[in-house]
Amino acid sequence: VRRRLRLFLTRMAHRSITRLQSRADLVVT
């Protein structure tokens, strides 16, 4: 369970940050 939870959190964090980047009016790198 612990490993599956970590994999789930990693995927969700990746997806959330990517989605927020796509909603930005500008991304500065």
PDB file of all heavy atoms in Angstrom:
ATOM      1  N   VAL A   1       0.826  -1.208   0.000  1.00  0.00           N
ATOM      2  CA  VAL A   1       0.000   0.000   0.000  1.00  0.00           C
ATOM      3  C   VAL A   1       0.856   1.253   0.000  1.00  0.00           C
ATOM      4  O   VAL A   1       0.565   2.219  -0.719  1.00  0.00           O
ATOM      5  CB  VAL A   1      -0.937  -0.018   1.224  1.00  0.00           C
ATOM      6  CG1 VAL A   1      -1.728   1.290   1.300  1.00  0.00           C
ATOM      7  CG2 VAL A   1      -1.883  -1.198   1.152  1.00  0.00           C
ATOM      8  N   ARG A   2       1.931   1.276   0.778  1.00  0.00           N
ATOM      9  CA  ARG A   2       2.749   2.474   0.885  1.00  0.00           C
ATOM     10  C   ARG A   2       3.386   2.846  -0.456  1.00  0.00           C
ATOM     11  O   ARG A   2       3.404   4.005  -0.841  1.00  0.00           O
ATOM     12  CB  ARG A   2       3.822   2.264   1.951  1.00  0.00           C
ATOM     13  CG  ARG A   2       4.667   3.501   2.215  1.00  0.00           C
ATOM     14  CD  ARG A   2       5.598   3.300   3.394  1.00  0.00           C
ATOM     15  NE  ARG A   2       4.838   3.070   4.624  1.00  0.00           N
ATOM     16  CZ  ARG A   2       5.397   2.864   5.803  1.00  0.00           C
ATOM     17  NH1 ARG A   2       6.721   2.839   5.918  1.00  0.00           N
ATOM     18  NH2 ARG A   2       4.649   2.679   6.870  1.00  0.00           N
ATOM     19  N   ARG A   3       3.902   1.845  -1.155  1.00  0.00           N
ATOM     20  CA  ARG A   3       4.532   2.117  -2.444  1.00  0.00           C
ATOM     21  C   ARG A   3       3.495   2.614  -3.452  1.00  0.00           C
ATOM     22  O   ARG A   3       3.734   3.551  -4.212  1.00  0.00           O
ATOM     23  CB  ARG A   3       5.218   0.869  -2.973  1.00  0.00           C
ATOM     24  CG  ARG A   3       5.906   1.073  -4.329  1.00  0.00           C
ATOM     25  CD  ARG A   3       6.707  -0.159  -4.740  1.00  0.00           C
ATOM     26  NE  ARG A   3       7.399   0.058  -5.994  1.00  0.00           N
ATOM     27  CZ  ARG A   3       6.856  -0.218  -7.180  1.00  0.00           C
ATOM     28  NH1 ARG A   3       5.622  -0.698  -7.253  1.00  0.00           N
ATOM     29  NH2 ARG A   3       7.543  -0.002  -8.289  1.00  0.00           N
ATOM     30  N   ARG A   4       2.330   1.954  -3.467  1.00  0.00           N
ATOM     31  CA  ARG A   4       1.285   2.388  -4.398  1.00  0.00           C
ATOM     32  C   ARG A   4       0.818   3.796  -4.088  1.00  0.00           C
ATOM     33  O   ARG A   4       0.524   4.584  -4.995  1.00  0.00           O
ATOM     34  CB  ARG A   4       0.109   1.411  -4.343  1.00  0.00           C
ATOM     35  CG  ARG A   4       0.418   0.049  -4.948  1.00  0.00           C
ATOM     36  CD  ARG A   4      -0.874  -0.716  -5.243  1.00  0.00           C
ATOM     37  NE  ARG A   4      -1.590  -1.032  -4.010  1.00  0.00           N
ATOM     38  CZ  ARG A   4      -1.420  -2.141  -3.307  1.00  0.00           C
ATOM     39  NH1 ARG A   4      -0.531  -3.047  -3.710  1.00  0.00           N
ATOM     40  NH2 ARG A   4      -2.121  -2.364  -2.214  1.00  0.00           N
ATOM     41  N   LEU A   5       0.759   4.158  -2.803  1.00  0.00           N
ATOM     42  CA  LEU A   5       0.363   5.508  -2.424  1.00  0.00           C
ATOM     43  C   LEU A   5       1.383   6.527  -2.927  1.00  0.00           C
ATOM     44  O   LEU A   5       1.020   7.590  -3.433  1.00  0.00           O
ATOM     45  CB  LEU A   5       0.215   5.597  -0.911  1.00  0.00           C
ATOM     46  CG  LEU A   5      -0.136   6.982  -0.347  1.00  0.00           C
ATOM     47  CD1 LEU A   5      -1.463   7.469  -0.906  1.00  0.00           C
ATOM     48  CD2 LEU A   5      -0.166   6.957   1.179  1.00  0.00           C
ATOM     49  N   ARG A   6       2.683   6.202  -2.778  1.00  0.00           N
ATOM     50  CA  ARG A   6       3.713   7.133  -3.248  1.00  0.00           C
ATOM     51  C   ARG A   6       3.664   7.319  -4.760  1.00  0.00           C
ATOM     52  O   ARG A   6       3.819   8.437  -5.263  1.00  0.00           O
ATOM     53  CB  ARG A   6       5.084   6.626  -2.814  1.00  0.00           C
ATOM     54  CG  ARG A   6       5.359   6.814  -1.325  1.00  0.00           C
ATOM     55  CD  ARG A   6       6.597   6.083  -0.889  1.00  0.00           C
ATOM     56  NE  ARG A   6       6.921   6.370   0.508  1.00  0.00           N
ATOM     57  CZ  ARG A   6       7.786   5.702   1.225  1.00  0.00           C
ATOM     58  NH1 ARG A   6       8.432   4.668   0.693  1.00  0.00           N
ATOM     59  NH2 ARG A   6       8.027   6.027   2.485  1.00  0.00           N
ATOM     60  N   LEU A   7       3.441   6.224  -5.482  1.00  0.00           N
ATOM     61  CA  LEU A   7       3.337   6.335  -6.932  1.00  0.00           C
ATOM     62  C   LEU A   7       2.122   7.176  -7.317  1.00  0.00           C
ATOM     63  O   LEU A   7       2.192   8.000  -8.244  1.00  0.00           O
ATOM     64  CB  LEU A   7       3.238   4.946  -7.550  1.00  0.00           C
ATOM     65  CG  LEU A   7       4.505   4.084  -7.487  1.00  0.00           C
ATOM     66  CD1 LEU A   7       4.217   2.683  -8.010  1.00  0.00           C
ATOM     67  CD2 LEU A   7       5.633   4.728  -8.298  1.00  0.00           C
ATOM     68  N   PHE A   8       1.013   6.984  -6.597  1.00  0.00           N
ATOM     69  CA  PHE A   8      -0.191   7.762  -6.876  1.00  0.00           C
ATOM     70  C   PHE A   8       0.052   9.247  -6.609  1.00  0.00           C
ATOM     71  O   PHE A   8      -0.320  10.109  -7.419  1.00  0.00           O
ATOM     72  CB  PHE A   8      -1.345   7.246  -6.007  1.00  0.00           C
ATOM     73  CG  PHE A   8      -2.580   8.095  -6.065  1.00  0.00           C
ATOM     74  CD1 PHE A   8      -3.415   8.052  -7.170  1.00  0.00           C
ATOM     75  CD2 PHE A   8      -2.905   8.954  -5.016  1.00  0.00           C
ATOM     76  CE1 PHE A   8      -4.561   8.843  -7.223  1.00  0.00           C
ATOM     77  CE2 PHE A   8      -4.036   9.740  -5.064  1.00  0.00           C
ATOM     78  CZ  PHE A   8      -4.862   9.693  -6.177  1.00  0.00           C
ATOM     79  N   LEU A   9       0.693   9.571  -5.480  1.00  0.00           N
ATOM     80  CA  LEU A   9       0.963  10.968  -5.148  1.00  0.00           C
ATOM     81  C   LEU A   9       1.904  11.602  -6.162  1.00  0.00           C
ATOM     82  O   LEU A   9       1.740  12.770  -6.531  1.00  0.00           O
ATOM     83  CB  LEU A   9       1.565  11.057  -3.742  1.00  0.00           C
ATOM     84  CG  LEU A   9       0.622  10.739  -2.579  1.00  0.00           C
ATOM     85  CD1 LEU A   9       1.379  10.737  -1.265  1.00  0.00           C
ATOM     86  CD2 LEU A   9      -0.532  11.732  -2.524  1.00  0.00           C
ATOM     87  N   THR A  10       2.896  10.844  -6.617  1.00  0.00           N
ATOM     88  CA  THR A  10       3.825  11.368  -7.620  1.00  0.00           C
ATOM     89  C   THR A  10       3.088  11.715  -8.908  1.00  0.00           C
ATOM     90  O   THR A  10       3.280  12.786  -9.493  1.00  0.00           O
ATOM     91  CB  THR A  10       4.940  10.352  -7.903  1.00  0.00           C
ATOM     92  OG1 THR A  10       5.673  10.111  -6.701  1.00  0.00           O
ATOM     93  CG2 THR A  10       5.895  10.869  -8.972  1.00  0.00           C
ATOM     94  N   ARG A  11       2.225  10.795  -9.364  1.00  0.00           N
ATOM     95  CA  ARG A  11       1.470  11.054 -10.597  1.00  0.00           C
ATOM     96  C   ARG A  11       0.531  12.240 -10.433  1.00  0.00           C
ATOM     97  O   ARG A  11       0.410  13.086 -11.331  1.00  0.00           O
ATOM     98  CB  ARG A  11       0.686   9.803 -10.998  1.00  0.00           C
ATOM     99  CG  ARG A  11       1.553   8.684 -11.554  1.00  0.00           C
ATOM    100  CD  ARG A  11       0.691   7.658 -12.272  1.00  0.00           C
ATOM    101  NE  ARG A  11      -0.231   6.992 -11.349  1.00  0.00           N
ATOM    102  CZ  ARG A  11       0.031   5.859 -10.705  1.00  0.00           C
ATOM    103  NH1 ARG A  11       1.196   5.255 -10.903  1.00  0.00           N
ATOM    104  NH2 ARG A  11      -0.849   5.320  -9.884  1.00  0.00           N
ATOM    105  N   MET A  12      -0.136  12.326  -9.274  1.00  0.00           N
ATOM    106  CA  MET A  12      -1.074  13.425  -9.060  1.00  0.00           C
ATOM    107  C   MET A  12      -0.355  14.769  -8.986  1.00  0.00           C
ATOM    108  O   MET A  12      -0.837  15.773  -9.531  1.00  0.00           O
ATOM    109  CB  MET A  12      -1.869  13.180  -7.778  1.00  0.00           C
ATOM    110  CG  MET A  12      -2.877  12.060  -7.876  1.00  0.00           C
ATOM    111  SD  MET A  12      -4.108  12.364  -9.173  1.00  0.00           S
ATOM    112  CE  MET A  12      -4.901  13.844  -8.545  1.00  0.00           C
ATOM    113  N   ALA A  13       0.796  14.810  -8.309  1.00  0.00           N
ATOM    114  CA  ALA A  13       1.554  16.059  -8.229  1.00  0.00           C
ATOM    115  C   ALA A  13       2.023  16.482  -9.605  1.00  0.00           C
ATOM    116  O   ALA A  13       1.946  17.671  -9.975  1.00  0.00           O
ATOM    117  CB  ALA A  13       2.743  15.876  -7.286  1.00  0.00           C
ATOM    118  N   HIS A  14       2.519  15.518 -10.384  1.00  0.00           N
ATOM    119  CA  HIS A  14       2.983  15.822 -11.744  1.00  0.00           C
ATOM    120  C   HIS A  14       1.838  16.390 -12.579  1.00  0.00           C
ATOM    121  O   HIS A  14       1.978  17.398 -13.274  1.00  0.00           O
ATOM    122  CB  HIS A  14       3.543  14.553 -12.377  1.00  0.00           C
ATOM    123  CG  HIS A  14       4.356  14.794 -13.614  1.00  0.00           C
ATOM    124  ND1 HIS A  14       3.787  15.192 -14.814  1.00  0.00           N
ATOM    125  CD2 HIS A  14       5.692  14.697 -13.845  1.00  0.00           C
ATOM    126  CE1 HIS A  14       4.729  15.319 -15.723  1.00  0.00           C
ATOM    127  NE2 HIS A  14       5.897  15.036 -15.157  1.00  0.00           N
ATOM    128  N   ARG A  15       0.678  15.724 -12.486  1.00  0.00           N
ATOM    129  CA  ARG A  15      -0.475  16.154 -13.276  1.00  0.00           C
ATOM    130  C   ARG A  15      -0.971  17.534 -12.842  1.00  0.00           C
ATOM    131  O   ARG A  15      -1.306  18.385 -13.683  1.00  0.00           O
ATOM    132  CB  ARG A  15      -1.596  15.118 -13.130  1.00  0.00           C
ATOM    133  CG  ARG A  15      -2.803  15.381 -14.007  1.00  0.00           C
ATOM    134  CD  ARG A  15      -3.828  14.274 -13.810  1.00  0.00           C
ATOM    135  NE  ARG A  15      -3.250  12.956 -14.089  1.00  0.00           N
ATOM    136  CZ  ARG A  15      -3.894  11.808 -13.844  1.00  0.00           C
ATOM    137  NH1 ARG A  15      -5.093  11.813 -13.286  1.00  0.00           N
ATOM    138  NH2 ARG A  15      -3.312  10.662 -14.126  1.00  0.00           N
ATOM    139  N   SER A  16      -1.004  17.775 -11.525  1.00  0.00           N
ATOM    140  CA  SER A  16      -1.513  19.052 -11.022  1.00  0.00           C
ATOM    141  C   SER A  16      -0.620  20.216 -11.432  1.00  0.00           C
ATOM    142  O   SER A  16      -1.111  21.272 -11.859  1.00  0.00           O
ATOM    143  CB  SER A  16      -1.622  18.997  -9.493  1.00  0.00           C
ATOM    144  OG  SER A  16      -2.524  17.997  -9.091  1.00  0.00           O
ATOM    145  N   ILE A  17       0.702  20.039 -11.302  1.00  0.00           N
ATOM    146  CA  ILE A  17       1.618  21.118 -11.669  1.00  0.00           C
ATOM    147  C   ILE A  17       1.568  21.379 -13.163  1.00  0.00           C
ATOM    148  O   ILE A  17       1.546  22.538 -13.613  1.00  0.00           O
ATOM    149  CB  ILE A  17       3.048  20.769 -11.205  1.00  0.00           C
ATOM    150  CG1 ILE A  17       3.110  20.720  -9.680  1.00  0.00           C
ATOM    151  CG2 ILE A  17       4.057  21.791 -11.737  1.00  0.00           C
ATOM    152  CD1 ILE A  17       4.418  20.208  -9.137  1.00  0.00           C
ATOM    153  N   THR A  18       1.543  20.317 -13.967  1.00  0.00           N
ATOM    154  CA  THR A  18       1.475  20.491 -15.419  1.00  0.00           C
ATOM    155  C   THR A  18       0.192  21.212 -15.818  1.00  0.00           C
ATOM    156  O   THR A  18       0.200  22.102 -16.684  1.00  0.00           O
ATOM    157  CB  THR A  18       1.549  19.125 -16.114  1.00  0.00           C
ATOM    158  OG1 THR A  18       2.785  18.490 -15.773  1.00  0.00           O
ATOM    159  CG2 THR A  18       1.483  19.276 -17.623  1.00  0.00           C
ATOM    160  N   ARG A  19      -0.926  20.845 -15.182  1.00  0.00           N
ATOM    161  CA  ARG A  19      -2.196  21.479 -15.508  1.00  0.00           C
ATOM    162  C   ARG A  19      -2.169  22.967 -15.132  1.00  0.00           C
ATOM    163  O   ARG A  19      -2.668  23.814 -15.886  1.00  0.00           O
ATOM    164  CB  ARG A  19      -3.335  20.770 -14.764  1.00  0.00           C
ATOM    165  CG  ARG A  19      -4.712  21.304 -15.095  1.00  0.00           C
ATOM    166  CD  ARG A  19      -5.777  20.444 -14.442  1.00  0.00           C
ATOM    167  NE  ARG A  19      -5.728  19.075 -14.954  1.00  0.00           N
ATOM    168  CZ  ARG A  19      -6.480  18.076 -14.470  1.00  0.00           C
ATOM    169  NH1 ARG A  19      -7.318  18.307 -13.456  1.00  0.00           N
ATOM    170  NH2 ARG A  19      -6.394  16.862 -14.981  1.00  0.00           N
ATOM    171  N   LEU A  20      -1.584  23.286 -13.984  1.00  0.00           N
ATOM    172  CA  LEU A  20      -1.523  24.681 -13.578  1.00  0.00           C
ATOM    173  C   LEU A  20      -0.622  25.479 -14.513  1.00  0.00           C
ATOM    174  O   LEU A  20      -0.905  26.641 -14.831  1.00  0.00           O
ATOM    175  CB  LEU A  20      -1.020  24.782 -12.139  1.00  0.00           C
ATOM    176  CG  LEU A  20      -1.230  26.131 -11.446  1.00  0.00           C
ATOM    177  CD1 LEU A  20      -2.711  26.485 -11.398  1.00  0.00           C
ATOM    178  CD2 LEU A  20      -0.653  26.112 -10.047  1.00  0.00           C
ATOM    179  N   GLN A  21       0.474  24.879 -14.957  1.00  0.00           N
ATOM    180  CA  GLN A  21       1.328  25.549 -15.940  1.00  0.00           C
ATOM    181  C   GLN A  21       0.549  25.863 -17.208  1.00  0.00           C
ATOM    182  O   GLN A  21       0.690  26.949 -17.791  1.00  0.00           O
ATOM    183  CB  GLN A  21       2.535  24.668 -16.265  1.00  0.00           C
ATOM    184  CG  GLN A  21       3.556  24.563 -15.147  1.00  0.00           C
ATOM    185  CD  GLN A  21       4.614  23.506 -15.421  1.00  0.00           C
ATOM    186  OE1 GLN A  21       4.422  22.619 -16.259  1.00  0.00           O
ATOM    187  NE2 GLN A  21       5.719  23.568 -14.703  1.00  0.00           N
ATOM    188  N   SER A  22      -0.297  24.933 -17.638  1.00  0.00           N
ATOM    189  CA  SER A  22      -1.065  25.140 -18.872  1.00  0.00           C
ATOM    190  C   SER A  22      -2.108  26.235 -18.715  1.00  0.00           C
ATOM    191  O   SER A  22      -2.535  26.838 -19.702  1.00  0.00           O
ATOM    192  CB  SER A  22      -1.744  23.830 -19.293  1.00  0.00           C
ATOM    193  OG  SER A  22      -2.762  23.469 -18.374  1.00  0.00           O
ATOM    194  N   ARG A  23      -2.532  26.514 -17.472  1.00  0.00           N
ATOM    195  CA  ARG A  23      -3.521  27.562 -17.239  1.00  0.00           C
ATOM    196  C   ARG A  23      -2.901  28.938 -17.029  1.00  0.00           C
ATOM    197  O   ARG A  23      -3.625  29.941 -16.954  1.00  0.00           O
ATOM    198  CB  ARG A  23      -4.365  27.201 -16.012  1.00  0.00           C
ATOM    199  CG  ARG A  23      -5.247  25.981 -16.214  1.00  0.00           C
ATOM    200  CD  ARG A  23      -6.106  25.698 -14.996  1.00  0.00           C
ATOM    201  NE  ARG A  23      -7.006  24.580 -15.213  1.00  0.00           N
ATOM    202  CZ  ARG A  23      -7.881  24.122 -14.317  1.00  0.00           C
ATOM    203  NH1 ARG A  23      -7.950  24.724 -13.128  1.00  0.00           N
ATOM    204  NH2 ARG A  23      -8.669  23.103 -14.597  1.00  0.00           N
ATOM    205  N   ALA A  24      -1.600  28.991 -16.922  1.00  0.00           N
ATOM    206  CA  ALA A  24      -0.936  30.279 -16.704  1.00  0.00           C
ATOM    207  C   ALA A  24      -0.995  31.132 -17.960  1.00  0.00           C
ATOM    208  O   ALA A  24      -0.946  30.621 -19.092  1.00  0.00           O
ATOM    209  CB  ALA A  24       0.515  30.051 -16.291  1.00  0.00           C
ATOM    210  N   ASP A  25      -1.083  32.441 -17.769  1.00  0.00           N
ATOM    211  CA  ASP A  25      -0.990  33.358 -18.905  1.00  0.00           C
ATOM    212  C   ASP A  25       0.422  33.418 -19.447  1.00  0.00           C
ATOM    213  O   ASP A  25       0.629  33.734 -20.617  1.00  0.00           O
ATOM    214  CB  ASP A  25      -1.442  34.750 -18.470  1.00  0.00           C
ATOM    215  CG  ASP A  25      -2.898  34.760 -18.041  1.00  0.00           C
ATOM    216  OD1 ASP A  25      -3.765  34.588 -18.921  1.00  0.00           O
ATOM    217  OD2 ASP A  25      -3.172  34.910 -16.838  1.00  0.00           O
ATOM    218  N   LEU A  26       1.393  33.095 -18.584  1.00  0.00           N
ATOM    219  CA  LEU A  26       2.799  33.059 -19.001  1.00  0.00           C
ATOM    220  C   LEU A  26       3.561  32.165 -18.044  1.00  0.00           C
ATOM    221  O   LEU A  26       3.362  32.230 -16.829  1.00  0.00           O
ATOM    222  CB  LEU A  26       3.408  34.474 -18.976  1.00  0.00           C
ATOM    223  CG  LEU A  26       4.902  34.586 -19.275  1.00  0.00           C
ATOM    224  CD1 LEU A  26       5.179  34.237 -20.735  1.00  0.00           C
ATOM    225  CD2 LEU A  26       5.420  35.985 -18.952  1.00  0.00           C
ATOM    226  N   VAL A  27       4.418  31.310 -18.588  1.00  0.00           N
ATOM    227  CA  VAL A  27       5.351  30.526 -17.787  1.00  0.00           C
ATOM    228  C   VAL A  27       6.752  31.057 -18.066  1.00  0.00           C
ATOM    229  O   VAL A  27       7.175  31.129 -19.223  1.00  0.00           O
ATOM    230  CB  VAL A  27       5.287  29.019 -18.113  1.00  0.00           C
ATOM    231  CG1 VAL A  27       6.332  28.252 -17.288  1.00  0.00           C
ATOM    232  CG2 VAL A  27       3.900  28.476 -17.842  1.00  0.00           C
ATOM    233  N   VAL A  28       7.453  31.449 -17.016  1.00  0.00           N
ATOM    234  CA  VAL A  28       8.838  31.926 -17.141  1.00  0.00           C
ATOM    235  C   VAL A  28       9.762  30.808 -16.689  1.00  0.00           C
ATOM    236  O   VAL A  28       9.618  30.284 -15.581  1.00  0.00           O
ATOM    237  CB  VAL A  28       9.072  33.189 -16.280  1.00  0.00           C
ATOM    238  CG1 VAL A  28      10.545  33.603 -16.327  1.00  0.00           C
ATOM    239  CG2 VAL A  28       8.193  34.328 -16.779  1.00  0.00           C
ATOM    240  N   THR A  29      10.683  30.422 -17.537  1.00  0.00           N
ATOM    241  CA  THR A  29      11.703  29.440 -17.177  1.00  0.00           C
ATOM    242  C   THR A  29      13.063  30.127 -17.194  1.00  0.00           C
ATOM    243  O   THR A  29      13.205  31.253 -17.684  1.00  0.00           O
ATOM    244  CB  THR A  29      11.726  28.246 -18.142  1.00  0.00           C
ATOM    245  OG1 THR A  29      12.333  28.645 -19.386  1.00  0.00           O
ATOM    246  CG2 THR A  29      10.326  27.737 -18.411  1.00  0.00           C
TER     247      THR A  29
END
